[in-house]
C-alpha cells in the first residue's frame, strides 16, 4: 500500500507532504523522515469548523472552547504522498518570445493585516508577531476573533513567529477596520466579560469555602459532644468506683471492730457475744421518743415549718422577710453550683450584711442548720463540710424557698 504521510522518526509527527516535512525540519532540526501508511487525522469541529490533526489537538480544543462534537473527514482528504521535491525553477518567457528556463525562488513576505486592529492588540499587551499571526489566520475579521484565536492557539510552538505568504499570492483586501468607538466598545465588552467570569469564579470559590467551614464546624461540634459524653461517663464510673471503695473500707473496719471485740471477750474469758442480744431494746427508745415533742417527719417539712415560723414572727416586715428568703436561696444556689468552693460554704456570723439579711431574723440560722451548716470556732462561723453536702437537701431547700417567695399565701394560713 502506498504511503499517505511522512512520519518524523524523532518526534512521531505525521506530515501530509514533502513541503510540510521540510518546514518541520527547518523548525525542529529533525531530519529522520519515513513514508507511512498512517493517515493524518482531519477531525473537524461541528461548532466552529476548526480542523484538528490529532486527538491531542482535539482534546486541547475541547478544553479551551467546550466544543465536543467532531466529524472525522480523514478519508475524504487522504491521498498518496508524492516524494518528488517541489520544483524550484519555473519556465520564463523571454521578451523576444523564446522560452528559457531560469532559477527563480518564490519570495515570501509578511501578509497584510488590519493596522488599526493590530495597534489595538499591541495596546492590549500582545506581541506584534502573535497579533499579526492572529489577524492573518482569523481573516482580519475583528478584534474579538483575533483575541479568540490567540486564546485557542497560545500553546502552539510557532505562535510568536511572523507568518509568511508568497509575494504573488492573491490576498484579498482586509476587511474594513472598526471605528475607534467600536474598538472601545469591543474592548469594554471583552473586559466586562472577563470581569464577570472572574466574579463568578470568586463566588464559586467562596461557596466552596463556606461549605468547608460548615463541614469543619459540624465535625468540631460532634467531636466536642463525644468528648463531653465520654467525660460524663468517666465521672460516673469514677463516682461508682469511689462509692464501692468506701463501702469496702467500711465493711473492712466493721469486720476489724468485730474481731477486736471477739478477741477482748476471749481474753477476758467471756462467752462469744450473741448478735441478737447486742441489739438495744426497742420499747425503751420508743418511750423516749414518745416523751419528746412531735417534730415534722421529714427534713423538707422541717424546713417548710422553719420558713413559716420566720414569716409569722415578722409578719409586719414583708420586705425584710422576702429579702431573707432571697438571700438564703442565693446561699443554697452557690453551694449547689460550687460545692468545692469553701468560700460559699463558710459564713461569718458577725458579718453585718449577713446579720441584716438573715442572722437577725428568728429562724434564719436554724434554716441553714437544717441544710447542713454547723457552728464552729466558738460559734463565730457557720460552716458546711464538703463531705456533708446532701444534694437532695440543698435542692429541697431551694424548692421551699422558691415557694415561700412566689406564693403570696405562704405562712398566712
Protein backbone atom coordinates (compact mmCIF):
# COMPACT_ATOMS: atom_id res chain seq x y z
CA UNK A 1 0.00 0.00 0.00
CA UNK A 2 1.32 3.44 -1.00
CA UNK A 3 2.25 5.82 1.79
CA UNK A 4 -0.22 8.57 2.66
CA UNK A 5 2.00 10.57 5.02
CA UNK A 6 5.55 11.21 6.18
CA UNK A 7 6.38 10.34 9.80
CA UNK A 8 9.12 12.10 11.75
CA UNK A 9 11.28 9.43 13.36
CA UNK A 10 12.43 11.87 16.06
CA UNK A 11 9.09 13.10 17.44
CA UNK A 12 6.48 10.88 15.70
CA UNK A 13 4.65 13.78 13.97
CA UNK A 14 2.63 12.91 10.83
CA UNK A 15 3.01 15.27 7.86
CA UNK A 16 0.89 15.47 4.70
CA UNK A 17 3.54 16.45 2.17
CA UNK A 18 7.21 16.95 1.48
CA UNK A 19 6.72 20.71 1.91
CA UNK A 20 5.39 20.17 5.45
CA UNK A 21 8.32 17.86 6.19
CA UNK A 22 10.78 20.50 5.01
CA UNK A 23 9.08 23.17 7.14
CA UNK A 24 9.07 20.81 10.14
CA UNK A 25 12.78 20.13 9.64
CA UNK A 26 13.57 23.85 9.50
CA UNK A 27 11.68 24.50 12.78
CA UNK A 28 12.80 21.46 14.79
CA UNK A 29 16.09 20.44 13.04
CA UNK A 30 14.69 16.88 12.75
CA UNK A 31 15.90 15.02 9.67
CA UNK A 32 14.71 11.44 10.10
CA UNK A 33 11.54 11.05 7.97
CA UNK A 34 9.94 7.90 6.59
CA UNK A 35 6.92 7.12 4.42
CA UNK A 36 3.92 5.91 6.49
CA UNK A 37 0.56 4.28 5.70
CA UNK A 38 -0.99 6.07 8.73
CA UNK A 39 -3.16 8.94 7.53
CA UNK A 40 -3.05 12.41 9.08
CA UNK A 41 -6.29 12.87 11.01
CA UNK A 42 -8.76 15.51 9.91
CA UNK A 43 -11.22 15.99 12.78
CA UNK A 44 -13.47 18.96 12.05
CA UNK A 45 -15.34 20.72 14.90
CA UNK A 46 -19.06 20.88 14.05
CA UNK A 47 -19.44 24.11 16.05
CA UNK A 48 -16.64 26.32 14.72
CA UNK A 49 -15.33 24.18 11.77
CA UNK A 50 -11.78 24.16 13.14
CA UNK A 51 -9.77 21.18 11.80
CA UNK A 52 -7.72 19.18 14.30
CA UNK A 53 -4.89 16.97 13.04
CA UNK A 54 -4.55 14.77 16.14
CA UNK A 55 -6.54 13.59 19.12
CA UNK A 56 -4.31 15.68 21.37
CA UNK A 57 -5.17 18.81 19.37
CA UNK A 58 -8.86 17.81 19.51
CA UNK A 59 -8.76 17.39 23.29
CA UNK A 60 -6.98 20.72 23.70
CA UNK A 61 -9.60 22.44 21.55
CA UNK A 62 -12.38 20.89 23.62
CA UNK A 63 -10.73 22.04 26.85
CA UNK A 64 -10.41 25.61 25.57
CA UNK A 65 -13.80 26.07 23.91
CA UNK A 66 -16.06 23.40 25.37
CA UNK A 67 -16.84 22.05 21.88
CA UNK A 68 -17.21 18.27 21.94
CA UNK A 69 -18.73 17.33 18.57
CA UNK A 70 -16.25 16.49 15.77
CA UNK A 71 -16.63 14.93 12.32
CA UNK A 72 -13.89 12.62 11.05
CA UNK A 73 -13.09 13.67 7.45
CA UNK A 74 -9.75 11.91 7.29
CA UNK A 75 -10.72 9.57 4.45
CA UNK A 76 -12.09 12.46 2.38
CA UNK A 77 -8.73 14.23 2.29
CA UNK A 78 -6.30 11.32 2.33
CA UNK A 79 -4.23 10.79 -0.84
CA UNK A 80 -0.96 9.06 -1.72
CA UNK A 81 2.01 11.19 -0.85
CA UNK A 82 4.40 12.33 -3.58
CA UNK A 83 8.05 12.06 -2.67
CA UNK A 84 9.18 14.39 -5.51
CA UNK A 85 10.81 17.57 -4.36
CA UNK A 86 8.92 20.72 -5.41
CA UNK A 87 10.26 22.44 -8.48
CA UNK A 88 12.44 25.35 -7.58
CA UNK A 89 12.62 26.61 -11.15
CA UNK A 90 9.87 27.66 -13.49
CA UNK A 91 9.63 28.37 -17.20
CA UNK A 92 10.08 32.08 -18.02
CA UNK A 93 9.14 33.51 -21.40
CA UNK A 94 11.75 35.78 -22.84
CA UNK A 95 10.62 39.15 -24.20
CA UNK A 96 11.51 38.00 -27.70
CA UNK A 97 9.04 35.17 -27.46
CA UNK A 98 11.60 32.41 -26.91
CA UNK A 99 11.27 30.30 -23.88
CA UNK A 100 14.06 29.69 -21.43
CA UNK A 101 14.49 28.21 -18.04
CA UNK A 102 15.74 30.24 -15.11
CA UNK A 103 16.06 29.59 -11.43
CA UNK A 104 13.61 31.75 -9.58
CA UNK A 105 12.85 31.15 -5.92
CA UNK A 106 9.42 32.24 -4.81
CA UNK A 107 9.63 35.25 -2.47
CA UNK A 108 7.83 35.01 0.91
CA UNK A 109 6.51 38.18 2.56
CA UNK A 110 4.57 39.14 5.71
CA UNK A 111 0.83 39.17 4.96
CA UNK A 112 -1.09 42.41 5.10
CA UNK A 113 -3.27 42.81 8.18
CA UNK A 114 -5.57 45.49 9.56
CA UNK A 115 -3.19 48.00 11.12
CA UNK A 116 -5.82 49.55 13.38
CA UNK A 117 -6.74 46.21 14.94
CA UNK A 118 -3.02 45.36 15.13
CA UNK A 119 -2.42 48.52 17.15
CA UNK A 120 -5.33 47.64 19.45
CA UNK A 121 -3.90 44.16 20.05
CA UNK A 122 -0.46 45.61 20.80
CA UNK A 123 -2.08 48.12 23.18
CA UNK A 124 -3.69 45.15 25.00
CA UNK A 125 -0.20 43.66 25.56
CA UNK A 126 0.10 41.06 22.77
CA UNK A 127 3.47 40.81 20.93
CA UNK A 128 3.44 42.11 17.38
CA UNK A 129 4.29 38.70 15.87
CA UNK A 130 1.47 36.97 17.77
CA UNK A 131 -1.02 39.76 16.95
CA UNK A 132 -0.07 39.62 13.23
CA UNK A 133 -0.44 35.84 13.17
CA UNK A 134 -3.83 36.04 14.92
CA UNK A 135 -5.16 38.65 12.49
CA UNK A 136 -3.92 36.73 9.46
CA UNK A 137 -5.42 33.38 10.46
CA UNK A 138 -8.66 34.92 11.72
CA UNK A 139 -9.13 36.67 8.38
CA UNK A 140 -8.84 40.21 9.74
CA UNK A 141 -12.43 39.73 10.92
CA UNK A 142 -12.46 41.66 14.18
CA UNK A 143 -10.62 42.34 17.40
CA UNK A 144 -12.70 39.70 19.21
CA UNK A 145 -11.96 37.00 16.61
CA UNK A 146 -8.22 37.75 16.84
CA UNK A 147 -8.28 37.52 20.66
CA UNK A 148 -10.20 34.22 20.46
CA UNK A 149 -7.61 32.86 18.03
CA UNK A 150 -4.78 33.80 20.41
CA UNK A 151 -6.54 32.09 23.31
CA UNK A 152 -7.08 28.89 21.30
CA UNK A 153 -3.51 28.73 19.94
CA UNK A 154 -1.47 30.18 22.83
CA UNK A 155 0.34 26.86 23.32
CA UNK A 156 1.29 26.42 19.66
CA UNK A 157 5.08 26.27 19.28
CA UNK A 158 5.06 28.83 16.44
CA UNK A 159 2.51 31.24 17.95
CA UNK A 160 5.12 34.02 18.20
CA UNK A 161 6.52 33.59 14.67
CA UNK A 162 5.66 36.08 11.91
CA UNK A 163 3.58 34.28 9.25
CA UNK A 164 4.87 34.32 5.66
CA UNK A 165 2.88 34.07 2.42
CA UNK A 166 4.02 34.06 -1.24
CA UNK A 167 4.56 37.56 -2.59
CA UNK A 168 2.36 36.91 -5.64
CA UNK A 169 -0.45 35.22 -3.71
CA UNK A 170 -3.83 36.72 -4.19
CA UNK A 171 -4.52 38.14 -0.80
CA UNK A 172 -7.81 39.91 -0.69
CA UNK A 173 -8.09 43.37 0.79
CA UNK A 174 -8.54 43.39 4.56
CA UNK A 175 -11.97 43.90 5.87
CA UNK A 176 -12.80 47.42 6.90
CA UNK A 177 -11.41 48.28 10.33
CA UNK A 178 -13.63 49.15 13.24
CA UNK A 179 -14.11 52.76 14.16
CA UNK A 180 -12.45 53.99 17.36
CA UNK A 181 -15.82 53.97 19.09
CA UNK A 182 -16.48 50.37 18.03
CA UNK A 183 -12.98 49.37 19.16
CA UNK A 184 -13.62 50.90 22.58
CA UNK A 185 -16.98 49.14 22.83
CA UNK A 186 -15.44 45.79 21.86
CA UNK A 187 -12.60 46.24 24.32
CA UNK A 188 -15.10 47.19 27.04
CA UNK A 189 -17.18 44.11 26.24
CA UNK A 190 -14.11 41.90 26.48
CA UNK A 191 -13.07 43.43 29.80
CA UNK A 192 -16.64 43.16 31.14
CA UNK A 193 -16.83 39.52 30.09
CA UNK A 194 -13.51 38.78 31.79
CA UNK A 195 -14.65 40.63 34.93
CA UNK A 196 -17.94 38.69 35.13
CA UNK A 197 -16.11 35.41 34.64
CA UNK A 198 -13.70 36.32 37.45
CA UNK A 199 -16.60 37.32 39.76
CA UNK A 200 -18.40 34.05 39.06
CA UNK A 201 -15.23 32.10 39.84
CA UNK A 202 -14.73 34.04 43.09
CA UNK A 203 -18.36 33.39 44.12
CA UNK A 204 -17.95 29.70 43.38
CA UNK A 205 -14.76 29.55 45.44
CA UNK A 206 -16.47 31.43 48.30
CA UNK A 207 -19.34 28.92 48.26
CA UNK A 208 -16.83 26.08 48.40
CA UNK A 209 -15.00 27.74 51.30
CA UNK A 210 -18.31 28.29 53.16
CA UNK A 211 -19.27 24.63 52.69
CA UNK A 212 -15.86 23.62 54.03
CA UNK A 213 -16.26 25.92 57.06
CA UNK A 214 -19.72 24.46 57.79
CA UNK A 215 -18.38 20.92 57.48
CA UNK A 216 -15.47 21.63 59.82
CA UNK A 217 -17.82 23.34 62.30
CA UNK A 218 -20.13 20.31 62.37
CA UNK A 219 -17.17 17.99 62.88
CA UNK A 220 -15.89 20.12 65.76
CA UNK A 221 -19.33 20.19 67.42
CA UNK A 222 -19.68 16.44 67.05
CA UNK A 223 -16.19 15.89 68.45
CA UNK A 224 -17.00 18.18 71.40
CA UNK A 225 -20.26 16.34 72.08
CA UNK A 226 -18.50 12.97 72.02
CA UNK A 227 -15.79 14.29 74.33
CA UNK A 228 -18.40 15.61 76.80
CA UNK A 229 -20.27 12.28 76.72
CA UNK A 230 -17.05 10.40 77.40
CA UNK A 231 -16.20 12.79 80.25
CA UNK A 232 -19.64 12.28 81.84
CA UNK A 233 -19.29 8.52 81.57
CA UNK A 234 -15.81 8.71 83.08
CA UNK A 235 -17.08 10.79 86.04
CA UNK A 236 -19.99 8.38 86.64
CA UNK A 237 -17.64 5.40 86.61
CA UNK A 238 -15.22 7.22 88.92
CA UNK A 239 -18.00 8.00 91.40
CA UNK A 240 -19.20 4.40 91.34
CA UNK A 241 -15.65 3.23 91.97
CA UNK A 242 -15.28 5.69 94.88
CA UNK A 243 -18.57 4.55 96.47
CA UNK A 244 -17.57 0.92 96.09
CA UNK A 245 -14.20 1.65 97.66
CA UNK A 246 -15.87 3.45 100.57
CA UNK A 247 -18.27 0.54 101.07
CA UNK A 248 -15.41 -1.96 101.12
CA UNK A 249 -13.47 0.22 103.54
CA UNK A 250 -16.45 0.49 105.94
CA UNK A 251 -17.03 -3.24 105.73
CA UNK A 252 -13.36 -3.87 106.46
CA UNK A 253 -13.47 -1.55 109.51
CA UNK A 254 -16.65 -3.20 110.78
CA UNK A 255 -15.09 -6.63 110.48
CA UNK A 256 -11.95 -5.38 112.27
CA UNK A 257 -14.07 -3.98 115.14
CA UNK A 258 -15.96 -7.25 115.45
CA UNK A 259 -12.71 -9.21 115.51
CA UNK A 260 -11.26 -6.92 118.20
CA UNK A 261 -14.38 -7.27 120.34
CA UNK A 262 -14.31 -11.04 119.99
CA UNK A 263 -10.60 -11.10 120.87
CA UNK A 264 -11.15 -9.00 124.02
CA UNK A 265 -14.03 -11.21 125.17
CA UNK A 266 -11.88 -14.27 124.59
CA UNK A 267 -9.04 -12.84 126.67
CA UNK A 268 -11.45 -11.99 129.49
CA UNK A 269 -12.87 -15.50 129.41
CA UNK A 270 -16.33 -14.27 128.40
CA UNK A 271 -18.52 -16.23 126.02
CA UNK A 272 -18.90 -15.08 122.43
CA UNK A 273 -21.42 -12.26 122.02
CA UNK A 274 -24.82 -13.21 120.69
CA UNK A 275 -25.66 -10.83 117.78
CA UNK A 276 -29.36 -10.87 118.69
CA UNK A 277 -28.67 -9.92 122.31
CA UNK A 278 -26.46 -6.97 121.31
CA UNK A 279 -29.36 -5.04 119.79
CA UNK A 280 -30.83 -2.28 122.01
CA UNK A 281 -34.30 -2.64 123.42
CA UNK A 282 -36.75 -1.10 121.01
CA UNK A 283 -39.50 -0.27 123.53
CA UNK A 284 -37.12 1.90 125.62
CA UNK A 285 -36.30 4.04 122.57
CA UNK A 286 -39.95 4.30 121.76
CA UNK A 287 -40.74 5.50 125.26
CA UNK A 288 -38.04 8.19 124.98
CA UNK A 289 -39.32 9.30 121.62
CA UNK A 290 -42.86 9.47 122.91
CA UNK A 291 -41.72 11.86 125.63
CA UNK A 292 -40.28 14.30 123.05
CA UNK A 293 -42.44 16.96 121.30
CA UNK A 294 -43.78 15.97 117.92
CA UNK A 295 -41.50 17.13 115.10
CA UNK A 296 -42.10 17.14 111.32
CA UNK A 297 -41.48 13.73 109.85
CA UNK A 298 -39.06 14.77 107.09
CA UNK A 299 -36.26 17.28 106.54
CA UNK A 300 -38.35 19.04 103.89
CA UNK A 301 -41.25 19.51 106.31
CA UNK A 302 -38.85 20.82 108.95
CA UNK A 303 -37.50 23.41 106.51
CA UNK A 304 -41.02 24.44 105.45
CA UNK A 305 -42.08 24.80 109.10
CA UNK A 306 -38.95 26.87 109.84
CA UNK A 307 -39.68 29.27 106.97
CA UNK A 308 -43.33 29.53 108.03
CA UNK A 309 -42.28 30.38 111.60
CA UNK A 310 -39.84 33.00 110.30
CA UNK A 311 -42.54 34.71 108.26
CA UNK A 312 -45.09 34.62 111.08
CA UNK A 313 -42.55 36.01 113.55
CA UNK A 314 -42.02 39.02 111.27
CA UNK A 315 -45.43 39.37 109.67
CA UNK A 316 -45.24 43.16 109.70
CA UNK A 317 -41.95 43.19 107.75
CA UNK A 318 -42.78 41.55 104.41
CA UNK A 319 -39.93 43.22 102.51
CA UNK A 320 -37.37 42.12 105.10
CA UNK A 321 -38.72 38.56 105.10
CA UNK A 322 -38.66 38.36 101.31
CA UNK A 323 -35.07 39.66 101.26
CA UNK A 324 -34.09 36.99 103.82
CA UNK A 325 -35.68 34.25 101.67
CA UNK A 326 -33.86 35.53 98.55
CA UNK A 327 -30.52 35.65 100.43
CA UNK A 328 -30.98 32.09 101.69
CA UNK A 329 -31.84 30.99 98.13
CA UNK A 330 -28.60 32.60 96.88
CA UNK A 331 -26.58 30.72 99.54
CA UNK A 332 -28.16 27.41 98.56
CA UNK A 333 -27.62 28.09 94.85
CA UNK A 334 -23.92 28.89 95.37
CA UNK A 335 -23.39 25.65 97.31
CA UNK A 336 -25.23 23.60 94.66
CA UNK A 337 -23.22 25.13 91.78
CA UNK A 338 -19.82 25.27 93.53
CA UNK A 339 -19.68 22.51 96.16
CA UNK A 340 -15.87 22.52 96.17
CA UNK A 341 -15.56 26.27 96.88
CA UNK A 342 -15.10 26.77 100.64
CA UNK A 343 -15.99 30.47 100.45
CA UNK A 344 -19.59 29.50 99.59
CA UNK A 345 -19.74 27.02 102.48
CA UNK A 346 -18.32 29.25 105.25
CA UNK A 347 -20.17 32.31 106.60
CA UNK A 348 -19.00 34.63 109.39
CA UNK A 349 -21.89 35.12 111.82
CA UNK A 350 -20.72 38.62 112.77
CA UNK A 351 -20.79 39.78 109.16
CA UNK A 352 -23.01 42.88 109.07
CA UNK A 353 -24.64 42.02 105.74
CA UNK A 354 -25.47 38.51 106.93
CA UNK A 355 -26.88 39.86 110.17
CA UNK A 356 -29.04 42.45 108.38
CA UNK A 357 -30.45 39.96 105.90
CA UNK A 358 -30.61 36.60 107.75
CA UNK A 359 -28.93 36.45 111.18
CA UNK A 360 -31.14 39.00 112.90
CA UNK A 361 -34.34 37.18 111.88
CA UNK A 362 -35.57 34.40 114.14
CA UNK A 363 -35.36 31.13 112.22
CA UNK A 364 -32.76 32.22 109.64
CA UNK A 365 -29.77 30.45 111.22
CA UNK A 366 -31.96 27.46 112.15
CA UNK A 367 -32.89 27.03 108.47
CA UNK A 368 -29.23 26.96 107.45
CA UNK A 369 -28.50 24.37 110.15
CA UNK A 370 -31.29 22.23 108.71
CA UNK A 371 -29.46 22.44 105.35
CA UNK A 372 -26.30 21.02 106.95
CA UNK A 373 -24.42 24.12 108.18
CA UNK A 374 -22.73 23.80 111.57
CA UNK A 375 -21.42 26.39 114.03
CA UNK A 376 -17.67 26.21 114.50
CA UNK A 377 -14.72 28.06 116.05
CA UNK A 378 -16.67 29.04 119.11
CA UNK A 379 -19.79 29.96 117.20
CA UNK A 380 -18.00 32.52 115.00
CA UNK A 381 -18.73 30.78 111.70
CA UNK A 382 -21.41 28.72 110.02
CA UNK A 383 -19.65 26.00 108.02
CA UNK A 384 -20.92 23.25 105.72
CA UNK A 385 -18.31 20.44 105.42
CA UNK A 386 -17.72 19.17 101.92
CA UNK A 387 -18.44 15.57 102.85
CA UNK A 388 -21.76 16.52 104.44
CA UNK A 389 -23.26 18.23 101.41
CA UNK A 390 -26.52 16.48 100.56
CA UNK A 391 -27.67 17.48 97.08
CA UNK A 392 -31.21 16.33 97.80
CA UNK A 393 -31.42 18.53 100.93
CA UNK A 394 -29.94 21.55 99.09
CA UNK A 395 -32.40 21.10 96.19
CA UNK A 396 -35.35 20.71 98.61
CA UNK A 397 -34.27 23.91 100.38
CA UNK A 398 -34.23 25.75 97.05
CA UNK A 399 -37.71 24.45 96.21
CA UNK A 400 -39.15 25.51 99.59
CA UNK A 401 -37.54 28.97 99.34
CA UNK A 402 -38.95 29.49 95.82
CA UNK A 403 -42.39 28.52 97.09
CA UNK A 404 -42.10 30.90 100.05
CA UNK A 405 -41.05 33.76 97.76
CA UNK A 406 -43.61 33.25 94.99
CA UNK A 407 -46.65 32.02 96.99
CA UNK A 408 -48.48 35.05 98.46
CA UNK A 409 -50.37 32.80 100.91
CA UNK A 410 -47.29 31.10 102.31
CA UNK A 411 -47.32 31.27 106.13
CA UNK A 412 -50.68 33.07 106.20
CA UNK A 413 -52.96 30.09 106.80
